[in-house]
């Protein structure tokens, strides 16, 4: 597998974990607008080597989550802002343009220092 993106979470917003109860994890790179930062998992932001697509693997803290759908602006938003909404529902069609859907149990232990990787099979 090739890693096409990697970042480390540096801050967990005050209300970021609330979205996990609804099956979502919202990311934003460091420097997020203050009114959004409280609702996001803030990260150091890496370089997205290739657009994210179904079949890729999102890895949160060494747990793999197969990507099932990617919204039409999700890769652009990740590349430019580090901002996407991860949905842990396995949907095959993206609910919103900035959403990435994955299959798996909602990660409850993401914290400062946790790593997100996006991997692609060869």
Foldseek 3Di string as FASTA:
>chain_A
DAWQWKKFFAAAALCQLVCVVVQKAWEWEPPPPPVCRNNHRYIPADARNDADAFQKWKAKQNDTWGWQEAAQCQRVCCRPTVTAMEGQPNDNYDPHRNYIYTHDRRDDPRGGGIMITIGHDD
